[in-house]
Amino acid sequence: MVASVFPKNQEEYFEQLRRAPLLALPTALLFVASMGGIGLVWYLAMTGQIPIWYGTIANGLITYLLFSVIHDAAHMSLSRVKWLNETIGAIGLFFLFPYAPMVLLRWVHNKHHSYANGPLDPDLYEHESPWWQVPFRWTMFDGAYIYYFIKHGQNVRKKHGRELVAFLRSFVRVVRGSDLLRIRIRTLYAVVSSLADHAVPDCRRFSSSCPTIRQWSPKMKSPIWRRRCATDGNGC
């Protein structure tokens, strides 16, 4: 006789609800849509179809959607296949906190659930701030999480010390090898420069910066990265 798939009692039904699916499709679709959106915005910005500061804002909003993916992965509810759950979660986490592994994020977030609204809740950094500080604290809450981990995470550092050290070493190698830090500085400079162009239309005030832009990005042909200086009418 075929066993029934329906729960026999409340306890069995509760256990079924607690069991992670093979793959949570809504969360997986959100992950795919977010990654596709980030890639599309990068393409539009780097090809000059949208200003780079538009792309920066758009990708900031899209990246925020990845927190739902990271949250489910942190609770091991994205997939009951461990490597799939951890891989998707780590990819999403890279776009928010590239310097933090899943084990760190999972520990800090679980502390939020353990001490919700209590004095040891790591999320109090944002939740109990004055209204005028909220935007600033939200932009720096990753730093608050790291501080919380350093202050209270002695046990997890002992348990996952090798994993954390290996991750940080790999991260430093990637940053040094791919020049990520310099790329981020250049991107920030380009955003500020683009905003300045909109604020002050007269390009002659910025003509002296054109050779500098060519030096650090000679291969970029996008209008975003080249100023059209009014001094000679030529692209930088």
C-alpha atoms as a PDB file:
ATOM      1  CA  MET A   1       0.000   0.000   0.000  1.00  0.00           C
ATOM      2  CA  VAL A   2       1.378   3.456  -0.948  1.00  0.00           C
ATOM      3  CA  ALA A   3       2.209   5.666   2.016  1.00  0.00           C
ATOM      4  CA  SER A   4       0.272   8.906   2.264  1.00  0.00           C
ATOM      5  CA  VAL A   5       2.139  12.148   1.603  1.00  0.00           C
ATOM      6  CA  PHE A   6      -0.216  14.047   3.882  1.00  0.00           C
ATOM      7  CA  PRO A   7       0.830  14.549   7.533  1.00  0.00           C
ATOM      8  CA  LYS A   8      -0.850  12.362  10.111  1.00  0.00           C
ATOM      9  CA  ASN A   9      -0.734  14.892  12.929  1.00  0.00           C
ATOM     10  CA  GLN A  10       0.362  18.417  13.787  1.00  0.00           C
ATOM     11  CA  GLU A  11       3.866  17.348  14.775  1.00  0.00           C
ATOM     12  CA  GLU A  12       4.471  15.668  11.434  1.00  0.00           C
ATOM     13  CA  TYR A  13       3.002  18.663   9.621  1.00  0.00           C
ATOM     14  CA  PHE A  14       5.311  20.982  11.553  1.00  0.00           C
ATOM     15  CA  GLU A  15       8.336  18.880  10.603  1.00  0.00           C
ATOM     16  CA  GLN A  16       7.314  19.044   6.949  1.00  0.00           C
ATOM     17  CA  LEU A  17       7.184  22.838   7.176  1.00  0.00           C
ATOM     18  CA  ARG A  18      10.650  22.940   8.741  1.00  0.00           C
ATOM     19  CA  ARG A  19      12.196  20.779   6.045  1.00  0.00           C
ATOM     20  CA  ALA A  20      14.043  22.772   3.391  1.00  0.00           C
ATOM     21  CA  PRO A  21      12.939  22.227  -0.222  1.00  0.00           C
ATOM     22  CA  LEU A  22      15.183  20.836  -2.909  1.00  0.00           C
ATOM     23  CA  LEU A  23      15.292  24.406  -4.221  1.00  0.00           C
ATOM     24  CA  ALA A  24      13.112  27.314  -3.134  1.00  0.00           C
ATOM     25  CA  LEU A  25      11.956  28.478  -6.570  1.00  0.00           C
ATOM     26  CA  PRO A  26      10.772  31.998  -5.599  1.00  0.00           C
ATOM     27  CA  THR A  27      14.123  32.738  -3.964  1.00  0.00           C
ATOM     28  CA  ALA A  28      16.051  31.146  -6.834  1.00  0.00           C
ATOM     29  CA  LEU A  29      14.112  33.241  -9.367  1.00  0.00           C
ATOM     30  CA  LEU A  30      14.818  36.362  -7.314  1.00  0.00           C
ATOM     31  CA  PHE A  31      18.514  35.460  -7.389  1.00  0.00           C
ATOM     32  CA  VAL A  32      18.524  34.983 -11.176  1.00  0.00           C
ATOM     33  CA  ALA A  33      16.554  38.198 -11.749  1.00  0.00           C
ATOM     34  CA  SER A  34      18.880  40.186  -9.465  1.00  0.00           C
ATOM     35  CA  MET A  35      22.035  38.886 -11.116  1.00  0.00           C
ATOM     36  CA  GLY A  36      20.584  39.512 -14.560  1.00  0.00           C
ATOM     37  CA  GLY A  37      19.578  43.035 -13.546  1.00  0.00           C
ATOM     38  CA  ILE A  38      23.035  43.822 -12.188  1.00  0.00           C
ATOM     39  CA  GLY A  39      24.667  42.543 -15.367  1.00  0.00           C
ATOM     40  CA  LEU A  40      22.291  44.539 -17.559  1.00  0.00           C
ATOM     41  CA  VAL A  41      22.909  47.766 -15.644  1.00  0.00           C
ATOM     42  CA  TRP A  42      26.672  47.223 -15.856  1.00  0.00           C
ATOM     43  CA  TYR A  43      26.399  46.749 -19.617  1.00  0.00           C
ATOM     44  CA  LEU A  44      24.263  49.860 -20.117  1.00  0.00           C
ATOM     45  CA  ALA A  45      26.548  51.980 -17.946  1.00  0.00           C
ATOM     46  CA  MET A  46      29.828  50.770 -19.410  1.00  0.00           C
ATOM     47  CA  THR A  47      28.598  51.230 -22.994  1.00  0.00           C
ATOM     48  CA  GLY A  48      27.441  54.766 -22.273  1.00  0.00           C
ATOM     49  CA  GLN A  49      23.724  54.125 -22.702  1.00  0.00           C
ATOM     50  CA  ILE A  50      23.009  55.389 -19.199  1.00  0.00           C
ATOM     51  CA  PRO A  51      25.098  57.657 -16.912  1.00  0.00           C
ATOM     52  CA  ILE A  52      27.294  55.714 -14.554  1.00  0.00           C
ATOM     53  CA  TRP A  53      25.739  57.370 -11.509  1.00  0.00           C
ATOM     54  CA  TYR A  54      22.312  56.114 -12.685  1.00  0.00           C
ATOM     55  CA  GLY A  55      23.800  52.655 -12.850  1.00  0.00           C
ATOM     56  CA  THR A  56      25.333  52.987  -9.398  1.00  0.00           C
ATOM     57  CA  ILE A  57      21.973  53.841  -7.845  1.00  0.00           C
ATOM     58  CA  ALA A  58      20.134  51.161  -9.847  1.00  0.00           C
ATOM     59  CA  ASN A  59      22.588  48.435  -8.905  1.00  0.00           C
ATOM     60  CA  GLY A  60      22.467  49.535  -5.271  1.00  0.00           C
ATOM     61  CA  LEU A  61      18.711  48.986  -5.261  1.00  0.00           C
ATOM     62  CA  ILE A  62      18.951  45.689  -7.151  1.00  0.00           C
ATOM     63  CA  THR A  63      21.689  44.411  -4.863  1.00  0.00           C
ATOM     64  CA  TYR A  64      19.439  45.043  -1.878  1.00  0.00           C
ATOM     65  CA  LEU A  65      17.102  42.355  -3.267  1.00  0.00           C
ATOM     66  CA  LEU A  66      19.898  39.838  -2.835  1.00  0.00           C
ATOM     67  CA  PHE A  67      19.558  40.117   0.932  1.00  0.00           C
ATOM     68  CA  SER A  68      16.438  37.929   0.708  1.00  0.00           C
ATOM     69  CA  VAL A  69      18.554  35.291  -1.028  1.00  0.00           C
ATOM     70  CA  ILE A  70      21.331  35.600   1.555  1.00  0.00           C
ATOM     71  CA  HIS A  71      18.788  35.463   4.391  1.00  0.00           C
ATOM     72  CA  ASP A  72      17.282  32.188   3.191  1.00  0.00           C
ATOM     73  CA  ALA A  73      20.724  30.704   2.600  1.00  0.00           C
ATOM     74  CA  ALA A  74      21.812  31.747   6.087  1.00  0.00           C
ATOM     75  CA  HIS A  75      18.861  29.801   7.515  1.00  0.00           C
ATOM     76  CA  MET A  76      19.676  26.807   5.268  1.00  0.00           C
ATOM     77  CA  SER A  77      16.181  27.101   3.768  1.00  0.00           C
ATOM     78  CA  LEU A  78      17.124  27.964   0.191  1.00  0.00           C
ATOM     79  CA  SER A  79      17.989  24.345  -0.621  1.00  0.00           C
ATOM     80  CA  ARG A  80      18.440  21.150   1.339  1.00  0.00           C
ATOM     81  CA  VAL A  81      21.427  20.436  -0.909  1.00  0.00           C
ATOM     82  CA  LYS A  82      24.140  22.038   1.212  1.00  0.00           C
ATOM     83  CA  TRP A  83      26.624  22.940  -1.533  1.00  0.00           C
ATOM     84  CA  LEU A  84      23.850  24.526  -3.629  1.00  0.00           C
ATOM     85  CA  ASN A  85      22.518  26.499  -0.660  1.00  0.00           C
ATOM     86  CA  GLU A  86      26.003  27.743   0.276  1.00  0.00           C
ATOM     87  CA  THR A  87      27.066  28.551  -3.292  1.00  0.00           C
ATOM     88  CA  ILE A  88      24.028  30.682  -4.110  1.00  0.00           C
ATOM     89  CA  GLY A  89      24.238  32.381  -0.727  1.00  0.00           C
ATOM     90  CA  ALA A  90      27.970  33.109  -1.128  1.00  0.00           C
ATOM     91  CA  ILE A  91      27.479  34.605  -4.604  1.00  0.00           C
ATOM     92  CA  GLY A  92      24.743  36.892  -3.309  1.00  0.00           C
ATOM     93  CA  LEU A  93      26.822  37.793  -0.261  1.00  0.00           C
ATOM     94  CA  PHE A  94      29.768  38.769  -2.455  1.00  0.00           C
ATOM     95  CA  PHE A  95      27.783  41.685  -3.889  1.00  0.00           C
ATOM     96  CA  LEU A  96      26.870  43.014  -0.438  1.00  0.00           C
ATOM     97  CA  PHE A  97      29.819  42.058   1.791  1.00  0.00           C
ATOM     98  CA  PRO A  98      32.618  40.635  -0.379  1.00  0.00           C
ATOM     99  CA  TYR A  99      34.925  40.513   2.651  1.00  0.00           C
ATOM    100  CA  ALA A 100      32.617  38.300   4.764  1.00  0.00           C
ATOM    101  CA  PRO A 101      32.043  34.538   4.390  1.00  0.00           C
ATOM    102  CA  MET A 102      28.672  32.861   4.938  1.00  0.00           C
ATOM    103  CA  VAL A 103      29.725  31.477   8.322  1.00  0.00           C
ATOM    104  CA  LEU A 104      30.193  35.016   9.670  1.00  0.00           C
ATOM    105  CA  LEU A 105      26.924  36.345   8.262  1.00  0.00           C
ATOM    106  CA  ARG A 106      25.013  33.273   9.476  1.00  0.00           C
ATOM    107  CA  TRP A 107      26.349  33.628  13.014  1.00  0.00           C
ATOM    108  CA  VAL A 108      25.578  37.356  13.275  1.00  0.00           C
ATOM    109  CA  HIS A 109      22.095  36.962  11.810  1.00  0.00           C
ATOM    110  CA  ASN A 110      21.267  34.060  14.118  1.00  0.00           C
ATOM    111  CA  LYS A 111      22.274  36.272  17.039  1.00  0.00           C
ATOM    112  CA  HIS A 112      19.620  38.715  15.860  1.00  0.00           C
ATOM    113  CA  HIS A 113      17.022  35.958  16.176  1.00  0.00           C
ATOM    114  CA  SER A 114      18.386  34.776  19.515  1.00  0.00           C
ATOM    115  CA  TYR A 115      18.383  38.260  21.055  1.00  0.00           C
ATOM    116  CA  ALA A 116      15.710  40.022  18.985  1.00  0.00           C
ATOM    117  CA  ASN A 117      15.156  43.562  20.336  1.00  0.00           C
ATOM    118  CA  GLY A 118      17.361  42.782  23.326  1.00  0.00           C
ATOM    119  CA  PRO A 119      20.592  44.486  24.331  1.00  0.00           C
ATOM    120  CA  LEU A 120      22.682  41.919  22.422  1.00  0.00           C
ATOM    121  CA  ASP A 121      20.684  42.183  19.188  1.00  0.00           C
ATOM    122  CA  PRO A 122      23.209  43.225  16.484  1.00  0.00           C
ATOM    123  CA  ASP A 123      20.413  44.942  14.539  1.00  0.00           C
ATOM    124  CA  LEU A 124      19.888  47.506  17.299  1.00  0.00           C
ATOM    125  CA  TYR A 125      22.587  49.533  15.570  1.00  0.00           C
ATOM    126  CA  GLU A 126      20.008  50.489  12.913  1.00  0.00           C
ATOM    127  CA  HIS A 127      16.708  49.987  14.734  1.00  0.00           C
ATOM    128  CA  GLU A 128      17.381  52.258  17.690  1.00  0.00           C
ATOM    129  CA  SER A 129      19.128  55.100  15.882  1.00  0.00           C
ATOM    130  CA  PRO A 130      17.677  58.632  15.634  1.00  0.00           C
ATOM    131  CA  TRP A 131      15.694  59.135  12.438  1.00  0.00           C
ATOM    132  CA  TRP A 132      18.281  61.485  10.955  1.00  0.00           C
ATOM    133  CA  GLN A 133      21.031  58.873  11.404  1.00  0.00           C
ATOM    134  CA  VAL A 134      19.127  56.048   9.724  1.00  0.00           C
ATOM    135  CA  PRO A 135      20.463  56.617   6.160  1.00  0.00           C
ATOM    136  CA  PHE A 136      24.048  56.826   7.419  1.00  0.00           C
ATOM    137  CA  ARG A 137      23.769  53.790   9.678  1.00  0.00           C
ATOM    138  CA  TRP A 138      22.212  51.717   6.922  1.00  0.00           C
ATOM    139  CA  THR A 139      25.217  52.462   4.721  1.00  0.00           C
ATOM    140  CA  MET A 140      27.606  51.311   7.456  1.00  0.00           C
ATOM    141  CA  PHE A 141      25.754  48.419   9.072  1.00  0.00           C
ATOM    142  CA  ASP A 142      28.249  45.907   7.633  1.00  0.00           C
ATOM    143  CA  GLY A 143      30.920  47.606   9.730  1.00  0.00           C
ATOM    144  CA  ALA A 144      28.657  47.302  12.782  1.00  0.00           C
ATOM    145  CA  TYR A 145      28.225  43.575  12.081  1.00  0.00           C
ATOM    146  CA  ILE A 146      31.987  43.088  11.861  1.00  0.00           C
ATOM    147  CA  TYR A 147      32.482  44.990  15.123  1.00  0.00           C
ATOM    148  CA  TYR A 148      29.819  42.808  16.764  1.00  0.00           C
ATOM    149  CA  PHE A 149      31.558  39.681  15.475  1.00  0.00           C
ATOM    150  CA  ILE A 150      34.948  40.832  16.763  1.00  0.00           C
ATOM    151  CA  LYS A 151      33.475  41.693  20.170  1.00  0.00           C
ATOM    152  CA  HIS A 152      31.223  38.659  20.715  1.00  0.00           C
ATOM    153  CA  GLY A 153      32.324  35.979  18.249  1.00  0.00           C
ATOM    154  CA  GLN A 154      35.137  34.311  20.166  1.00  0.00           C
ATOM    155  CA  ASN A 155      33.535  30.865  20.002  1.00  0.00           C
ATOM    156  CA  VAL A 156      32.811  30.958  16.293  1.00  0.00           C
ATOM    157  CA  ARG A 157      36.342  32.223  15.610  1.00  0.00           C
ATOM    158  CA  LYS A 158      37.714  29.212  17.456  1.00  0.00           C
ATOM    159  CA  LYS A 159      35.373  26.808  15.662  1.00  0.00           C
ATOM    160  CA  HIS A 160      35.789  28.239  12.149  1.00  0.00           C
ATOM    161  CA  GLY A 161      39.173  29.931  12.533  1.00  0.00           C
ATOM    162  CA  ARG A 162      40.856  28.093   9.662  1.00  0.00           C
ATOM    163  CA  GLU A 163      37.915  28.714   7.357  1.00  0.00           C
ATOM    164  CA  LEU A 164      37.885  32.428   8.172  1.00  0.00           C
ATOM    165  CA  VAL A 165      41.644  32.787   7.688  1.00  0.00           C
ATOM    166  CA  ALA A 166      41.506  30.888   4.384  1.00  0.00           C
ATOM    167  CA  PHE A 167      38.653  33.080   3.162  1.00  0.00           C
ATOM    168  CA  LEU A 168      40.407  36.327   4.082  1.00  0.00           C
ATOM    169  CA  ARG A 169      43.636  35.183   2.432  1.00  0.00           C
ATOM    170  CA  SER A 170      41.750  34.307  -0.744  1.00  0.00           C
ATOM    171  CA  PHE A 171      39.915  37.626  -0.665  1.00  0.00           C
ATOM    172  CA  VAL A 172      43.159  39.596  -0.316  1.00  0.00           C
ATOM    173  CA  ARG A 173      44.701  37.657  -3.210  1.00  0.00           C
ATOM    174  CA  VAL A 174      41.675  38.323  -5.412  1.00  0.00           C
ATOM    175  CA  VAL A 175      41.690  42.029  -4.574  1.00  0.00           C
ATOM    176  CA  ARG A 176      45.417  42.330  -5.250  1.00  0.00           C
ATOM    177  CA  GLY A 177      45.328  40.178  -8.352  1.00  0.00           C
ATOM    178  CA  SER A 178      42.304  41.740 -10.020  1.00  0.00           C
ATOM    179  CA  ASP A 179      42.951  45.320  -8.876  1.00  0.00           C
ATOM    180  CA  LEU A 180      39.439  45.510  -7.394  1.00  0.00           C
ATOM    181  CA  LEU A 181      40.317  48.256  -4.938  1.00  0.00           C
ATOM    182  CA  ARG A 182      41.679  50.533  -7.655  1.00  0.00           C
ATOM    183  CA  ILE A 183      38.660  49.763  -9.846  1.00  0.00           C
ATOM    184  CA  ARG A 184      36.300  50.777  -7.042  1.00  0.00           C
ATOM    185  CA  ILE A 185      38.219  54.023  -6.498  1.00  0.00           C
ATOM    186  CA  ARG A 186      38.121  54.771 -10.212  1.00  0.00           C
ATOM    187  CA  THR A 187      34.411  54.007 -10.357  1.00  0.00           C
ATOM    188  CA  LEU A 188      33.779  56.353  -7.439  1.00  0.00           C
ATOM    189  CA  TYR A 189      35.829  59.038  -9.172  1.00  0.00           C
ATOM    190  CA  ALA A 190      33.836  58.545 -12.365  1.00  0.00           C
ATOM    191  CA  VAL A 191      30.544  58.833 -10.452  1.00  0.00           C
ATOM    192  CA  VAL A 192      31.632  62.062  -8.771  1.00  0.00           C
ATOM    193  CA  SER A 193      32.905  63.416 -12.078  1.00  0.00           C
ATOM    194  CA  SER A 194      29.657  62.537 -13.815  1.00  0.00           C
ATOM    195  CA  LEU A 195      27.658  64.309 -11.120  1.00  0.00           C
ATOM    196  CA  ALA A 196      29.936  67.326 -11.478  1.00  0.00           C
ATOM    197  CA  ASP A 197      29.258  67.411 -15.210  1.00  0.00           C
ATOM    198  CA  HIS A 198      25.542  67.656 -14.525  1.00  0.00           C
ATOM    199  CA  ALA A 199      26.007  70.273 -11.844  1.00  0.00           C
ATOM    200  CA  VAL A 200      28.372  72.480 -13.909  1.00  0.00           C
ATOM    201  CA  PRO A 201      27.729  72.246 -17.671  1.00  0.00           C
ATOM    202  CA  ASP A 202      30.873  74.184 -18.689  1.00  0.00           C
ATOM    203  CA  CYS A 203      33.424  71.488 -19.536  1.00  0.00           C
ATOM    204  CA  ARG A 204      36.288  73.960 -19.601  1.00  0.00           C
ATOM    205  CA  ARG A 205      36.341  73.854 -15.802  1.00  0.00           C
ATOM    206  CA  PHE A 206      37.239  70.177 -16.012  1.00  0.00           C
ATOM    207  CA  SER A 207      39.527  70.143 -19.041  1.00  0.00           C
ATOM    208  CA  SER A 208      42.608  69.553 -16.917  1.00  0.00           C
ATOM    209  CA  SER A 209      41.202  66.217 -15.707  1.00  0.00           C
ATOM    210  CA  CYS A 210      40.890  64.763 -19.208  1.00  0.00           C
ATOM    211  CA  PRO A 211      44.486  63.485 -19.557  1.00  0.00           C
ATOM    212  CA  THR A 212      44.219  61.914 -16.107  1.00  0.00           C
ATOM    213  CA  ILE A 213      41.117  59.975 -17.150  1.00  0.00           C
ATOM    214  CA  ARG A 214      42.886  58.767 -20.289  1.00  0.00           C
ATOM    215  CA  GLN A 215      45.864  57.602 -18.250  1.00  0.00           C
ATOM    216  CA  TRP A 216      43.895  55.422 -15.874  1.00  0.00           C
ATOM    217  CA  SER A 217      41.373  54.164 -18.396  1.00  0.00           C
ATOM    218  CA  PRO A 218      42.863  54.363 -21.902  1.00  0.00           C
ATOM    219  CA  LYS A 219      40.787  51.511 -23.302  1.00  0.00           C
ATOM    220  CA  MET A 220      37.369  52.845 -22.279  1.00  0.00           C
ATOM    221  CA  LYS A 221      35.626  54.402 -25.281  1.00  0.00           C
ATOM    222  CA  SER A 222      32.332  55.146 -23.557  1.00  0.00           C
ATOM    223  CA  PRO A 223      31.246  58.831 -23.472  1.00  0.00           C
ATOM    224  CA  ILE A 224      30.900  58.415 -19.718  1.00  0.00           C
ATOM    225  CA  TRP A 225      34.646  57.965 -19.371  1.00  0.00           C
ATOM    226  CA  ARG A 226      35.642  60.625 -21.943  1.00  0.00           C
ATOM    227  CA  ARG A 227      35.003  64.315 -21.417  1.00  0.00           C
ATOM    228  CA  ARG A 228      34.128  66.431 -24.424  1.00  0.00           C
ATOM    229  CA  CYS A 229      36.032  69.537 -23.455  1.00  0.00           C
ATOM    230  CA  ALA A 230      34.773  72.841 -24.754  1.00  0.00           C
ATOM    231  CA  THR A 231      38.328  74.111 -25.115  1.00  0.00           C
ATOM    232  CA  ASP A 232      39.068  72.257 -28.361  1.00  0.00           C
ATOM    233  CA  GLY A 233      35.795  70.479 -29.128  1.00  0.00           C
ATOM    234  CA  ASN A 234      37.472  67.067 -29.171  1.00  0.00           C
ATOM    235  CA  GLY A 235      36.765  64.088 -26.957  1.00  0.00           C
ATOM    236  CA  CYS A 236      39.342  63.596 -24.233  1.00  0.00           C
END
